[in-house]
Amino acid sequence: MPFESPNYTQVPNDFFEVFMRDLGYAEIKVLLAVIRMTFGFHQEDCKVKCSLSDVCSVTGLSRPAVLEGAKKVEEREL
């Protein structure tokens, strides 16, 4: 198996059951990165530790793609 185990980040079921079908590629990657940087580190927010460069690095997306994905995620209030 390509994943190391046990090593998990909880992702809310609503991500898969409600939101994922309507999210674009960048939105999914940005939202999963933020979930990892919050729930994955057992925190409720990532204001200090989650920079634009961090999200670019984690997602492999360009700065404009991350900004657009983040804008859409924010507009959806996710």
C-alpha atoms as a PDB file:
ATOM      1  CA  MET A   1       0.000   0.000   0.000  1.00  0.00           C
ATOM      2  CA  PRO A   2       1.389   3.455  -0.871  1.00  0.00           C
ATOM      3  CA  PHE A   3       0.232   5.088   2.387  1.00  0.00           C
ATOM      4  CA  GLU A   4       1.978   4.810   5.721  1.00  0.00           C
ATOM      5  CA  SER A   5      -0.340   3.584   8.435  1.00  0.00           C
ATOM      6  CA  PRO A   6      -1.678   4.510  10.948  1.00  0.00           C
ATOM      7  CA  ASN A   7      -1.454   8.150   9.945  1.00  0.00           C
ATOM      8  CA  TYR A   8      -4.784   9.916   9.486  1.00  0.00           C
ATOM      9  CA  THR A   9      -6.506  13.273   9.249  1.00  0.00           C
ATOM     10  CA  GLN A  10     -10.226  13.251   9.863  1.00  0.00           C
ATOM     11  CA  VAL A  11     -12.213  14.737   6.995  1.00  0.00           C
ATOM     12  CA  PRO A  12     -15.842  15.616   7.716  1.00  0.00           C
ATOM     13  CA  ASN A  13     -18.289  13.293   5.923  1.00  0.00           C
ATOM     14  CA  ASP A  14     -20.067  16.352   4.535  1.00  0.00           C
ATOM     15  CA  PHE A  15     -16.988  17.025   2.414  1.00  0.00           C
ATOM     16  CA  PHE A  16     -17.655  13.807   0.499  1.00  0.00           C
ATOM     17  CA  GLU A  17     -21.429  13.542   0.770  1.00  0.00           C
ATOM     18  CA  VAL A  18     -22.490  17.152   0.257  1.00  0.00           C
ATOM     19  CA  PHE A  19     -19.755  19.391  -1.095  1.00  0.00           C
ATOM     20  CA  MET A  20     -17.260  17.398  -3.185  1.00  0.00           C
ATOM     21  CA  ARG A  21     -19.519  16.944  -6.225  1.00  0.00           C
ATOM     22  CA  ASP A  22     -19.860  20.728  -6.621  1.00  0.00           C
ATOM     23  CA  LEU A  23     -16.234  21.697  -5.945  1.00  0.00           C
ATOM     24  CA  GLY A  24     -13.657  22.372  -8.636  1.00  0.00           C
ATOM     25  CA  TYR A  25     -10.163  20.869  -8.716  1.00  0.00           C
ATOM     26  CA  ALA A  26      -8.421  23.800  -7.009  1.00  0.00           C
ATOM     27  CA  GLU A  27     -11.193  24.126  -4.453  1.00  0.00           C
ATOM     28  CA  ILE A  28     -10.845  20.467  -3.458  1.00  0.00           C
ATOM     29  CA  LYS A  29      -7.071  20.712  -3.138  1.00  0.00           C
ATOM     30  CA  VAL A  30      -7.167  23.961  -1.166  1.00  0.00           C
ATOM     31  CA  LEU A  31      -9.942  22.731   1.131  1.00  0.00           C
ATOM     32  CA  LEU A  32      -8.146  19.433   1.812  1.00  0.00           C
ATOM     33  CA  ALA A  33      -4.922  21.336   2.552  1.00  0.00           C
ATOM     34  CA  VAL A  34      -6.748  23.549   5.054  1.00  0.00           C
ATOM     35  CA  ILE A  35      -8.450  20.503   6.598  1.00  0.00           C
ATOM     36  CA  ARG A  36      -5.006  18.917   7.001  1.00  0.00           C
ATOM     37  CA  MET A  37      -3.566  22.101   8.516  1.00  0.00           C
ATOM     38  CA  THR A  38      -6.451  22.410  10.984  1.00  0.00           C
ATOM     39  CA  PHE A  39      -8.170  19.122  11.852  1.00  0.00           C
ATOM     40  CA  GLY A  40      -4.992  17.204  11.006  1.00  0.00           C
ATOM     41  CA  PHE A  41      -3.062  19.202  13.578  1.00  0.00           C
ATOM     42  CA  HIS A  42      -6.009  19.130  16.042  1.00  0.00           C
ATOM     43  CA  GLN A  43      -6.604  22.874  15.671  1.00  0.00           C
ATOM     44  CA  GLU A  44      -9.679  24.894  14.785  1.00  0.00           C
ATOM     45  CA  ASP A  45      -7.860  27.490  12.697  1.00  0.00           C
ATOM     46  CA  CYS A  46      -4.569  27.940  10.889  1.00  0.00           C
ATOM     47  CA  LYS A  47      -4.291  31.728  10.723  1.00  0.00           C
ATOM     48  CA  VAL A  48      -0.617  31.832  11.664  1.00  0.00           C
ATOM     49  CA  LYS A  49       0.659  28.539  10.291  1.00  0.00           C
ATOM     50  CA  CYS A  50      -1.112  28.476   6.918  1.00  0.00           C
ATOM     51  CA  SER A  51       0.480  30.882   4.447  1.00  0.00           C
ATOM     52  CA  LEU A  52      -0.237  31.142   0.742  1.00  0.00           C
ATOM     53  CA  SER A  53       3.183  29.645   0.051  1.00  0.00           C
ATOM     54  CA  ASP A  54       2.383  26.722   2.358  1.00  0.00           C
ATOM     55  CA  VAL A  55      -0.836  25.967   0.506  1.00  0.00           C
ATOM     56  CA  CYS A  56       0.959  26.242  -2.859  1.00  0.00           C
ATOM     57  CA  SER A  57       3.593  23.815  -1.637  1.00  0.00           C
ATOM     58  CA  VAL A  58       1.117  21.303  -0.206  1.00  0.00           C
ATOM     59  CA  THR A  59      -1.246  21.355  -3.198  1.00  0.00           C
ATOM     60  CA  GLY A  60       1.225  21.790  -6.054  1.00  0.00           C
ATOM     61  CA  LEU A  61      -0.989  24.585  -7.367  1.00  0.00           C
ATOM     62  CA  SER A  62       0.187  27.984  -8.586  1.00  0.00           C
ATOM     63  CA  ARG A  63      -0.437  31.081  -6.484  1.00  0.00           C
ATOM     64  CA  PRO A  64      -3.272  32.264  -8.785  1.00  0.00           C
ATOM     65  CA  ALA A  65      -4.912  28.810  -8.644  1.00  0.00           C
ATOM     66  CA  VAL A  66      -4.677  28.697  -4.847  1.00  0.00           C
ATOM     67  CA  LEU A  67      -6.101  32.221  -4.572  1.00  0.00           C
ATOM     68  CA  GLU A  68      -8.996  31.361  -6.890  1.00  0.00           C
ATOM     69  CA  GLY A  69      -9.667  28.059  -5.116  1.00  0.00           C
ATOM     70  CA  ALA A  70      -9.522  29.734  -1.708  1.00  0.00           C
ATOM     71  CA  LYS A  71     -11.851  32.523  -2.892  1.00  0.00           C
ATOM     72  CA  LYS A  72     -14.437  29.980  -4.018  1.00  0.00           C
ATOM     73  CA  VAL A  73     -14.099  27.931  -0.830  1.00  0.00           C
ATOM     74  CA  GLU A  74     -14.574  31.104   1.201  1.00  0.00           C
ATOM     75  CA  GLU A  75     -17.605  32.134  -0.877  1.00  0.00           C
ATOM     76  CA  ARG A  76     -19.145  28.746  -0.060  1.00  0.00           C
ATOM     77  CA  GLU A  77     -18.353  29.457   3.606  1.00  0.00           C
ATOM     78  CA  LEU A  78     -16.432  26.205   3.927  1.00  0.00           C
END
